[in-house]
Protein backbone atom coordinates (compact mmCIF):
# COMPACT_ATOMS: atom_id res chain seq x y z
CA MET A 1 4.14 9.65 -10.43
CA ALA A 2 2.52 10.40 -7.09
CA LYS A 3 1.90 13.72 -5.41
CA ILE A 4 0.98 14.25 -1.77
CA ILE A 5 -1.16 17.22 -0.79
CA PRO A 6 -2.84 18.16 2.51
CA TRP A 7 -6.58 18.13 2.95
CA HIS A 8 -6.86 21.91 2.94
CA GLY A 9 -5.70 21.84 -0.69
CA MET A 10 -8.43 19.48 -1.89
CA ARG A 11 -11.18 20.10 -4.38
CA ASP A 12 -14.51 18.52 -3.58
CA ALA A 13 -15.01 17.70 -7.24
CA MET A 14 -12.14 15.19 -7.27
CA ILE A 15 -13.08 11.52 -7.49
CA TRP A 16 -11.26 9.60 -4.78
CA HIS A 17 -10.55 5.87 -4.54
CA SER A 18 -9.92 4.40 -1.09
CA LEU A 19 -7.10 1.94 -0.40
CA PRO A 20 -8.33 -0.74 2.05
CA LEU A 21 -4.89 -2.36 2.26
CA THR A 22 -3.27 0.78 3.65
CA ALA A 23 -6.13 1.27 6.11
CA LYS A 24 -5.41 -2.18 7.53
CA LEU A 25 -1.86 -0.96 8.18
CA GLY A 26 -3.19 2.00 10.15
CA ILE A 27 -2.55 4.54 7.37
CA PRO A 28 -5.93 5.07 5.65
CA LEU A 29 -5.16 6.43 2.19
CA GLN A 30 -7.04 7.34 -0.96
CA TYR A 31 -5.92 8.50 -4.37
CA THR A 32 -7.19 10.41 -7.36
CA LYS A 33 -5.85 10.87 -10.86
CA TYR A 34 -3.76 14.00 -11.25
CA LEU A 35 -4.59 15.58 -14.57
CA THR A 36 -3.73 19.19 -15.31
CA SER A 37 -3.26 21.43 -18.30
CA GLY A 38 -0.55 23.87 -19.23
CA PRO A 39 3.20 23.67 -19.76
CA CYS A 40 3.84 22.00 -16.37
CA ALA A 41 1.16 19.35 -16.72
CA LEU A 42 1.87 15.81 -15.56
CA HIS A 43 0.92 13.45 -18.35
CA SER A 44 -0.07 9.82 -18.45
CA SER A 45 2.53 7.26 -19.48
CA HIS A 46 2.51 4.02 -21.40
CA TYR A 47 3.97 2.46 -18.24
CA VAL A 48 1.62 1.24 -15.51
CA ASN A 49 1.69 3.30 -12.30
CA GLN A 50 3.34 0.72 -10.06
CA THR A 51 2.64 2.55 -6.81
CA VAL A 52 -1.10 2.37 -7.38
CA GLY A 53 -0.74 -1.25 -8.45
CA PHE A 54 1.01 -2.21 -5.22
CA LEU A 55 -1.35 -0.31 -2.93
CA THR A 56 -4.51 -1.66 -4.58
CA VAL A 57 -3.50 -5.33 -4.42
CA ASP A 58 -6.48 -7.49 -3.45
CA VAL A 59 -5.87 -9.03 -0.01
CA ASP A 60 -9.24 -10.80 0.29
CA PRO A 61 -8.59 -14.56 -0.04
CA GLN A 62 -12.25 -15.10 -0.93
CA SER A 63 -11.98 -12.82 -3.96
CA ASP A 64 -11.46 -14.09 -7.50
CA SER A 65 -8.76 -11.45 -7.93
CA PHE A 66 -6.84 -12.33 -4.76
CA GLY A 67 -3.28 -11.08 -5.07
CA GLU A 68 -3.98 -8.98 -8.14
CA PRO A 69 -3.93 -5.17 -8.29
CA ARG A 70 -7.43 -3.75 -8.42
CA SER A 71 -6.26 -0.77 -10.42
CA LEU A 72 -3.79 -0.66 -13.31
CA ILE A 73 -3.61 2.93 -14.50
CA HIS A 74 -1.12 4.96 -16.48
CA GLU A 75 -1.89 8.38 -15.04
CA ASP A 76 -0.10 10.32 -12.33
CA VAL A 77 -1.97 10.36 -9.03
CA ILE A 78 -2.40 12.31 -5.80
CA PHE A 79 -2.48 10.54 -2.43
CA THR A 80 -4.03 11.82 0.79
CA ARG A 81 -5.31 10.37 4.03
CA THR A 82 -9.01 9.70 4.51
CA ASP A 83 -8.88 10.76 8.17
CA CYS A 84 -8.13 14.39 7.28
CA LYS A 85 -4.55 14.21 8.57
CA ASP A 86 -1.63 15.38 6.46
CA LEU A 87 0.41 12.70 4.70
CA ASP A 88 4.17 12.98 4.43
CA SER A 89 6.26 11.34 1.72
CA LYS A 90 8.24 9.15 4.12
CA ARG A 91 5.16 7.43 5.46
CA LEU A 92 3.88 6.81 1.93
CA GLU A 93 7.27 5.41 0.95
CA ALA A 94 7.24 3.10 3.97
CA VAL A 95 3.75 1.83 3.14
CA GLU A 96 4.81 0.94 -0.39
CA GLY A 97 8.02 -0.55 1.00
CA PHE A 98 5.97 -2.77 3.32
CA VAL A 99 3.95 -4.13 0.42
CA ARG A 100 7.06 -4.78 -1.65
CA CYS A 101 9.14 -6.28 1.16
CA GLU A 102 6.60 -8.16 3.25
CA LEU A 103 3.93 -9.22 0.76
CA GLY A 104 6.16 -10.56 -2.01
CA PRO A 105 4.54 -14.03 -2.24
CA LEU A 106 1.11 -12.38 -2.53
CA LEU A 107 2.29 -10.12 -5.37
CA ILE A 108 3.87 -13.03 -7.20
CA TYR A 109 0.79 -15.21 -6.74
CA GLY A 110 -1.42 -12.54 -8.26
CA ALA A 111 0.91 -11.70 -11.11
CA SER A 112 -1.47 -12.90 -13.80
CA THR A 113 -2.70 -9.36 -14.51
CA ILE A 114 0.70 -7.70 -14.66
CA THR A 115 3.84 -8.69 -16.48
CA ARG A 116 6.15 -11.17 -14.87
CA LYS A 117 8.98 -8.74 -15.43
CA ASP A 118 7.32 -6.05 -13.31
CA VAL A 119 6.83 -8.38 -10.37
CA ALA A 120 10.40 -9.67 -10.58
CA SER A 121 11.83 -6.19 -10.89
CA HIS A 122 9.94 -4.62 -8.00
CA THR A 123 9.43 -7.45 -5.50
CA THR A 124 12.40 -7.48 -3.13
CA ASP A 125 13.43 -7.69 0.50
CA LEU A 126 14.11 -4.95 3.01
CA ASP A 127 17.90 -5.01 2.66
CA ASP A 128 17.69 -4.51 -1.10
CA ASP A 129 14.72 -2.18 -1.04
CA VAL A 130 16.12 0.61 1.12
CA GLY A 131 19.20 1.18 -0.98
CA SER A 132 17.51 4.10 -2.70
CA PRO A 133 14.26 6.02 -2.26
CA ILE A 134 11.14 4.43 -3.68
CA ASN A 135 10.34 6.11 -6.95
CA THR A 136 6.60 6.63 -7.05
CA SER A 137 6.60 7.44 -10.73
CA SER A 138 5.65 4.80 -13.26
CA MET A 139 8.49 2.32 -13.41
CA PRO A 140 10.00 0.64 -16.50
CA ASP A 141 9.20 -3.04 -16.84
CA HIS A 142 12.66 -4.53 -17.07
CA ALA A 143 13.93 -7.02 -14.52
CA GLN A 144 17.16 -6.25 -12.68
CA LYS A 145 17.54 -9.68 -11.12
CA SER A 146 15.86 -13.06 -10.94
CA PHE A 147 12.91 -13.67 -8.62
CA PRO A 148 10.52 -16.63 -8.35
CA THR A 149 8.03 -16.91 -11.16
CA PRO A 150 4.30 -16.69 -10.33
CA SER A 151 3.98 -20.49 -10.42
CA GLU A 152 6.52 -20.75 -7.58
CA ALA A 153 4.41 -18.76 -5.13
CA THR A 154 1.60 -20.94 -3.80
CA ARG A 155 -1.77 -19.78 -2.60
CA ALA A 156 -0.86 -21.00 0.87
CA GLN A 157 2.19 -18.73 0.87
CA ALA A 158 0.08 -15.81 -0.33
CA GLU A 159 -2.52 -16.39 2.38
CA GLU A 160 0.20 -16.69 5.00
CA VAL A 161 1.71 -13.28 4.31
CA ILE A 162 -1.61 -11.44 4.56
CA THR A 163 -1.59 -12.23 8.29
CA LYS A 164 1.12 -9.54 8.48
CA ILE A 165 -1.29 -6.82 7.39
CA ASP A 166 -1.97 -5.01 10.64
CA PRO A 167 -0.86 -1.75 12.32
CA THR A 168 1.45 -3.44 14.83
CA THR A 169 3.41 -5.33 12.18
CA PHE A 170 3.64 -2.21 10.04
CA ALA A 171 4.89 -0.17 13.00
CA ALA A 172 7.71 -2.67 13.56
CA PHE A 173 8.54 -2.64 9.84
CA PHE A 174 8.55 1.15 9.82
CA GLU A 175 11.20 1.25 12.55
CA ARG A 176 13.44 -1.17 10.64
CA TYR A 177 12.86 0.72 7.41
CA ARG A 178 13.51 4.08 9.06
CA ALA A 179 16.76 2.86 10.62
CA LYS A 180 18.12 1.63 7.30
CA ARG A 181 17.09 4.77 5.44
CA ALA A 182 18.50 7.00 8.19
CA ALA A 183 21.93 5.41 7.77
CA ALA A 184 22.20 7.13 4.40
CA HIS A 185 19.73 10.00 4.73
CA SER A 186 19.78 12.01 7.97
CA ASP A 187 16.29 13.44 7.44
CA TRP A 188 14.88 9.97 8.12
CA ARG A 189 16.14 10.05 11.72
CA SER A 190 13.24 12.25 12.78
CA ALA A 191 10.61 10.30 10.85
CA VAL A 192 7.81 9.10 13.11
CA ASN A 193 5.12 6.54 12.38
CA SER A 194 1.66 7.23 13.77
CA ILE A 195 -0.49 4.13 13.44
CA GLN A 196 -4.25 4.11 13.59
CA PRO A 197 -5.58 1.48 16.03
CA PRO A 198 -8.01 -1.13 14.66
CA THR A 199 -11.50 0.22 14.06
CA CYS A 200 -14.89 -1.25 13.23
CA GLU A 201 -15.27 -1.42 9.46
CA ALA A 202 -18.91 -0.32 9.75
CA CYS A 203 -19.02 2.38 12.44
CA ASN A 204 -15.31 3.22 13.03
CA ALA A 205 -15.49 2.35 16.74
CA LEU A 206 -11.95 2.15 18.15
CA GLU A 207 -10.89 -1.23 19.52
CA VAL A 208 -8.83 0.38 22.29
CA GLU A 209 -11.87 2.31 23.53
CA ASP A 210 -14.80 0.02 22.81
CA GLY A 211 -13.34 -3.42 23.53
CA SER A 212 -12.10 -6.20 21.28
CA LEU A 213 -13.47 -6.25 17.76
CA LEU A 214 -14.51 -9.42 15.96
CA VAL A 215 -12.64 -10.49 12.84
CA CYS A 216 -14.78 -10.94 9.71
CA GLY A 217 -15.55 -14.61 9.18
CA GLY A 218 -15.20 -14.17 5.43
CA CYS A 219 -12.02 -12.27 4.58
CA GLN A 220 -10.44 -12.75 8.04
CA LEU A 221 -9.01 -9.23 7.78
CA VAL A 222 -11.47 -6.46 8.62
CA LYS A 223 -12.99 -6.16 12.07
CA TYR A 224 -16.44 -5.30 13.36
CA CYS A 225 -17.88 -4.41 16.73
CA GLY A 226 -20.59 -6.56 18.31
CA GLU A 227 -23.38 -4.40 16.87
CA TYR A 228 -22.40 -5.29 13.30
CA SER A 229 -20.99 -8.78 13.79
CA ALA A 230 -24.22 -10.71 13.28
């Protein structure tokens, strides 16, 4: 299960984990485990928290864990933005939808650390995915239909889809996703995506203000300004 809370409700003592994948989409997120006490406490489950698994998938082709989730936890979590802006549930849903719809070959390629059933059950396309709201609680690991097995997704296919991970592509996806969701749920008609322009990974310089940034020669994903490109 995932909760979303604004920055003014944070406790400094919480341990936060950043989500580089979402930052590359222009929505810089982080999460922390949500553990409480009392009769209304949210408890951990024997099911893996799929939302965290999707959003922590390793998109660095130079990494030994390329395509695999960096975090497989069973606890409920809280999401918030790292840029101190409030996060609404629709934007979080769209981010997870992007990973599920657009990065399917990457998820399948990296399925060695999660069950094949989970990947088959939750990797889909946009038309299938927007039929109902994304459930950010831990999902059961039973397959509803047949999808390619991990061996059928090549590394080349996985590396190809990571070229989609950028704010512009996500913005276009968000509009398609919003339109399909709005057909059944009127509250989606007013949903607006606010993307964060590319920034220097080291100093956060904005590309639109400080000129073109240089793509990392290693991962080919993050960008740096001239001062940190050497």
